[in-house]
């Protein structure tokens, strides 16, 4: 499929970093930017799917019990959950 052109504005620092990455990988600026877009879209798509799954579960009445919520808070307080960014409530 042939690509389509579009333009964006970004600060010089980002463009310099893109160019450094491209040079280090022996790739074009276009390749690096397209890879970044692909990764962003995949991440956003995954997030949206999880939100939809959560909404469907909520509509079905599938909520965490009070004891499940309490156990989760205890895990955070004890340090068992090292990072909220790594926590995935759908994985338990």
N, C-alpha and C. Protein backbone atom coordinates (compact mmCIF):
# COMPACT_ATOMS: atom_id res chain seq x y z
N UNK A 1 0.86 -1.18 0.00
CA UNK A 1 0.00 0.00 0.00
C UNK A 1 0.90 1.24 0.00
N UNK A 2 0.71 2.12 -0.94
CA UNK A 2 1.52 3.33 -0.97
C UNK A 2 1.18 4.24 0.21
N UNK A 3 2.21 4.91 0.73
CA UNK A 3 2.01 5.79 1.87
C UNK A 3 1.44 7.13 1.44
N UNK A 4 0.96 7.84 2.44
CA UNK A 4 0.47 9.19 2.20
C UNK A 4 1.32 10.15 3.03
N UNK A 5 1.57 11.30 2.49
CA UNK A 5 2.34 12.31 3.19
C UNK A 5 1.46 13.14 4.10
N UNK A 6 2.02 13.52 5.25
CA UNK A 6 1.41 14.52 6.11
C UNK A 6 2.55 15.18 6.89
N UNK A 7 2.27 16.30 7.46
CA UNK A 7 3.35 16.99 8.19
C UNK A 7 2.91 17.27 9.61
N UNK A 8 3.91 17.38 10.49
CA UNK A 8 3.66 17.73 11.88
C UNK A 8 4.67 18.78 12.29
N UNK A 9 4.37 19.46 13.36
CA UNK A 9 5.33 20.39 13.96
C UNK A 9 5.82 19.76 15.25
N UNK A 10 7.11 19.81 15.47
CA UNK A 10 7.69 19.32 16.71
C UNK A 10 8.89 20.19 17.05
N UNK A 11 9.30 20.12 18.29
CA UNK A 11 10.44 20.95 18.67
C UNK A 11 11.74 20.35 18.13
N UNK A 12 12.74 21.19 18.08
CA UNK A 12 14.02 20.80 17.49
C UNK A 12 14.66 19.64 18.25
N UNK A 13 14.49 19.59 19.56
CA UNK A 13 15.08 18.52 20.36
C UNK A 13 14.55 17.16 19.98
N UNK A 14 13.24 17.07 19.76
CA UNK A 14 12.65 15.79 19.36
C UNK A 14 13.17 15.37 17.98
N UNK A 15 13.24 16.33 17.10
CA UNK A 15 13.72 16.02 15.75
C UNK A 15 15.18 15.57 15.78
N UNK A 16 15.98 16.21 16.61
CA UNK A 16 17.38 15.80 16.75
C UNK A 16 17.46 14.38 17.30
N UNK A 17 16.63 14.07 18.28
CA UNK A 17 16.63 12.72 18.86
C UNK A 17 16.19 11.68 17.83
N UNK A 18 15.18 12.01 17.05
CA UNK A 18 14.72 11.10 15.99
C UNK A 18 15.86 10.85 15.01
N UNK A 19 16.53 11.91 14.62
CA UNK A 19 17.64 11.76 13.67
C UNK A 19 18.78 10.93 14.26
N UNK A 20 19.07 11.11 15.54
CA UNK A 20 20.12 10.30 16.19
C UNK A 20 19.74 8.83 16.22
N UNK A 21 18.48 8.56 16.56
CA UNK A 21 18.02 7.16 16.56
C UNK A 21 18.10 6.56 15.16
N UNK A 22 17.67 7.32 14.19
CA UNK A 22 17.70 6.83 12.81
C UNK A 22 19.12 6.51 12.38
N UNK A 23 20.04 7.40 12.71
CA UNK A 23 21.43 7.17 12.34
C UNK A 23 21.99 5.95 13.06
N UNK A 24 21.69 5.82 14.35
CA UNK A 24 22.20 4.69 15.13
C UNK A 24 21.67 3.35 14.61
N UNK A 25 20.46 3.38 14.07
CA UNK A 25 19.84 2.16 13.56
C UNK A 25 20.06 1.98 12.06
N UNK A 26 20.77 2.93 11.46
CA UNK A 26 20.97 2.92 10.02
C UNK A 26 19.62 2.87 9.28
N UNK A 27 18.71 3.69 9.77
CA UNK A 27 17.36 3.78 9.20
C UNK A 27 17.08 5.24 8.84
N UNK A 28 15.99 5.43 8.14
CA UNK A 28 15.58 6.79 7.79
C UNK A 28 14.75 7.39 8.92
N UNK A 29 14.67 8.72 8.91
CA UNK A 29 13.79 9.42 9.85
C UNK A 29 12.36 8.91 9.67
N UNK A 30 11.95 8.72 8.46
CA UNK A 30 10.61 8.23 8.16
C UNK A 30 10.34 6.88 8.82
N UNK A 31 11.33 5.98 8.75
CA UNK A 31 11.18 4.66 9.36
C UNK A 31 10.99 4.79 10.87
N UNK A 32 11.84 5.59 11.52
CA UNK A 32 11.77 5.75 12.97
C UNK A 32 10.42 6.34 13.39
N UNK A 33 9.96 7.34 12.69
CA UNK A 33 8.67 7.96 13.03
C UNK A 33 7.53 6.97 12.80
N UNK A 34 7.57 6.22 11.71
CA UNK A 34 6.51 5.23 11.47
C UNK A 34 6.51 4.14 12.52
N UNK A 35 7.69 3.71 12.97
CA UNK A 35 7.78 2.72 14.05
C UNK A 35 7.14 3.28 15.32
N UNK A 36 7.43 4.53 15.63
CA UNK A 36 6.87 5.16 16.81
C UNK A 36 5.34 5.25 16.71
N UNK A 37 4.85 5.60 15.55
CA UNK A 37 3.40 5.67 15.34
C UNK A 37 2.77 4.29 15.49
N UNK A 38 3.41 3.27 14.92
CA UNK A 38 2.89 1.90 15.04
C UNK A 38 2.81 1.47 16.50
N UNK A 39 3.86 1.76 17.26
CA UNK A 39 3.87 1.39 18.68
C UNK A 39 2.80 2.14 19.45
N UNK A 40 2.66 3.42 19.18
CA UNK A 40 1.65 4.23 19.85
C UNK A 40 0.25 3.70 19.55
N UNK A 41 -0.02 3.43 18.30
CA UNK A 41 -1.34 2.93 17.92
C UNK A 41 -1.64 1.58 18.57
N UNK A 42 -0.65 0.69 18.61
CA UNK A 42 -0.85 -0.62 19.25
C UNK A 42 -1.14 -0.46 20.73
N UNK A 43 -0.41 0.43 21.40
CA UNK A 43 -0.61 0.66 22.83
C UNK A 43 -1.99 1.25 23.09
N UNK A 44 -2.38 2.22 22.31
CA UNK A 44 -3.69 2.85 22.48
C UNK A 44 -4.82 1.87 22.17
N UNK A 45 -4.63 1.04 21.16
CA UNK A 45 -5.63 0.03 20.80
C UNK A 45 -5.79 -0.96 21.96
N UNK A 46 -4.68 -1.39 22.55
CA UNK A 46 -4.73 -2.32 23.67
C UNK A 46 -5.44 -1.68 24.86
N UNK A 47 -5.13 -0.43 25.13
CA UNK A 47 -5.77 0.28 26.24
C UNK A 47 -7.28 0.37 26.01
N UNK A 48 -7.67 0.75 24.80
CA UNK A 48 -9.09 0.88 24.47
C UNK A 48 -9.82 -0.45 24.61
N UNK A 49 -9.16 -1.54 24.22
CA UNK A 49 -9.76 -2.87 24.36
C UNK A 49 -9.98 -3.22 25.82
N UNK A 50 -9.01 -2.87 26.67
CA UNK A 50 -9.16 -3.14 28.10
C UNK A 50 -10.27 -2.29 28.72
N UNK A 51 -10.38 -1.05 28.28
CA UNK A 51 -11.47 -0.21 28.77
C UNK A 51 -12.81 -0.81 28.36
N UNK A 52 -12.93 -1.24 27.12
CA UNK A 52 -14.18 -1.84 26.66
C UNK A 52 -14.50 -3.12 27.42
N UNK A 53 -13.48 -3.92 27.70
CA UNK A 53 -13.69 -5.15 28.48
C UNK A 53 -14.16 -4.81 29.88
N UNK A 54 -13.58 -3.76 30.47
CA UNK A 54 -14.00 -3.33 31.80
C UNK A 54 -15.42 -2.81 31.81
N UNK A 55 -15.77 -2.05 30.79
CA UNK A 55 -17.14 -1.54 30.70
C UNK A 55 -18.15 -2.68 30.51
N UNK A 56 -17.79 -3.66 29.69
CA UNK A 56 -18.67 -4.81 29.48
C UNK A 56 -18.84 -5.59 30.78
N UNK A 57 -17.75 -5.76 31.53
CA UNK A 57 -17.83 -6.46 32.81
C UNK A 57 -18.70 -5.68 33.78
N UNK A 58 -18.56 -4.37 33.80
CA UNK A 58 -19.38 -3.54 34.69
C UNK A 58 -20.85 -3.64 34.32
N UNK A 59 -21.14 -3.59 33.02
CA UNK A 59 -22.53 -3.70 32.59
C UNK A 59 -23.12 -5.06 32.95
N UNK A 60 -22.27 -6.09 33.02
CA UNK A 60 -22.72 -7.43 33.39
C UNK A 60 -22.78 -7.60 34.90
N UNK A 61 -22.41 -6.53 35.64
CA UNK A 61 -22.46 -6.60 37.09
C UNK A 61 -21.25 -7.27 37.71
N UNK A 62 -20.20 -7.42 36.94
CA UNK A 62 -18.99 -8.09 37.42
C UNK A 62 -18.07 -7.06 38.07
N UNK A 63 -18.31 -6.81 39.35
CA UNK A 63 -17.52 -5.85 40.09
C UNK A 63 -16.67 -6.56 41.13
N UNK A 64 -15.60 -5.91 41.54
CA UNK A 64 -14.76 -6.47 42.59
C UNK A 64 -15.53 -6.38 43.91
N UNK A 65 -15.37 -7.41 44.71
CA UNK A 65 -16.00 -7.40 46.03
C UNK A 65 -15.22 -6.47 46.95
N UNK A 66 -15.84 -6.10 48.05
CA UNK A 66 -15.16 -5.25 49.03
C UNK A 66 -13.88 -5.91 49.53
N UNK A 67 -13.91 -7.23 49.72
CA UNK A 67 -12.71 -7.92 50.20
C UNK A 67 -11.62 -7.94 49.13
N UNK A 68 -12.00 -8.03 47.85
CA UNK A 68 -11.00 -7.96 46.76
C UNK A 68 -10.32 -6.59 46.73
N UNK A 69 -11.11 -5.54 46.91
CA UNK A 69 -10.57 -4.18 46.90
C UNK A 69 -9.66 -3.99 48.11
N UNK A 70 -10.07 -4.47 49.26
CA UNK A 70 -9.26 -4.36 50.46
C UNK A 70 -7.93 -5.11 50.28
N UNK A 71 -7.98 -6.30 49.70
CA UNK A 71 -6.76 -7.08 49.46
C UNK A 71 -5.82 -6.34 48.51
N UNK A 72 -6.37 -5.68 47.52
CA UNK A 72 -5.56 -4.92 46.58
C UNK A 72 -4.86 -3.77 47.30
N UNK A 73 -5.60 -3.03 48.12
CA UNK A 73 -4.99 -1.94 48.86
C UNK A 73 -3.90 -2.45 49.79
N UNK A 74 -4.11 -3.58 50.40
CA UNK A 74 -3.10 -4.16 51.29
C UNK A 74 -1.84 -4.52 50.50
N UNK A 75 -2.00 -5.01 49.28
CA UNK A 75 -0.84 -5.32 48.45
C UNK A 75 -0.05 -4.06 48.14
N UNK A 76 -0.74 -2.97 47.84
CA UNK A 76 -0.06 -1.70 47.58
C UNK A 76 0.65 -1.20 48.82
N UNK A 77 -0.04 -1.24 49.94
CA UNK A 77 0.54 -0.74 51.19
C UNK A 77 1.75 -1.57 51.62
N UNK A 78 1.74 -2.86 51.33
CA UNK A 78 2.85 -3.72 51.74
C UNK A 78 4.02 -3.66 50.76
N UNK A 79 3.83 -3.00 49.64
CA UNK A 79 4.88 -2.92 48.65
C UNK A 79 4.87 -4.07 47.66
N UNK A 80 3.88 -4.96 47.75
CA UNK A 80 3.81 -6.10 46.83
C UNK A 80 3.58 -5.62 45.40
N UNK A 81 2.90 -4.49 45.23
CA UNK A 81 2.72 -3.88 43.92
C UNK A 81 3.74 -2.76 43.82
N UNK A 82 4.85 -3.00 43.16
CA UNK A 82 5.95 -2.06 43.12
C UNK A 82 5.62 -0.78 42.35
N UNK A 83 4.79 -0.90 41.32
CA UNK A 83 4.51 0.27 40.50
C UNK A 83 3.09 0.21 40.01
N UNK A 84 2.37 1.29 40.21
CA UNK A 84 0.99 1.35 39.72
C UNK A 84 0.97 1.25 38.20
N UNK A 85 2.02 1.73 37.52
CA UNK A 85 2.04 1.68 36.07
C UNK A 85 2.18 0.25 35.56
N UNK A 86 2.69 -0.67 36.39
CA UNK A 86 2.84 -2.06 35.99
C UNK A 86 1.63 -2.89 36.40
N UNK A 87 0.75 -2.33 37.23
CA UNK A 87 -0.39 -3.07 37.72
C UNK A 87 -1.45 -3.15 36.64
N UNK A 88 -1.95 -4.34 36.40
CA UNK A 88 -3.01 -4.55 35.43
C UNK A 88 -4.16 -5.24 36.16
N UNK A 89 -5.24 -4.50 36.46
CA UNK A 89 -6.33 -5.09 37.23
C UNK A 89 -7.02 -6.23 36.50
N UNK A 90 -6.87 -6.30 35.17
CA UNK A 90 -7.51 -7.40 34.44
C UNK A 90 -6.71 -8.69 34.59
N UNK A 91 -5.43 -8.56 35.00
CA UNK A 91 -4.60 -9.75 35.19
C UNK A 91 -4.58 -10.21 36.64
N UNK A 92 -5.15 -9.39 37.52
CA UNK A 92 -5.23 -9.77 38.94
C UNK A 92 -4.10 -9.45 39.74
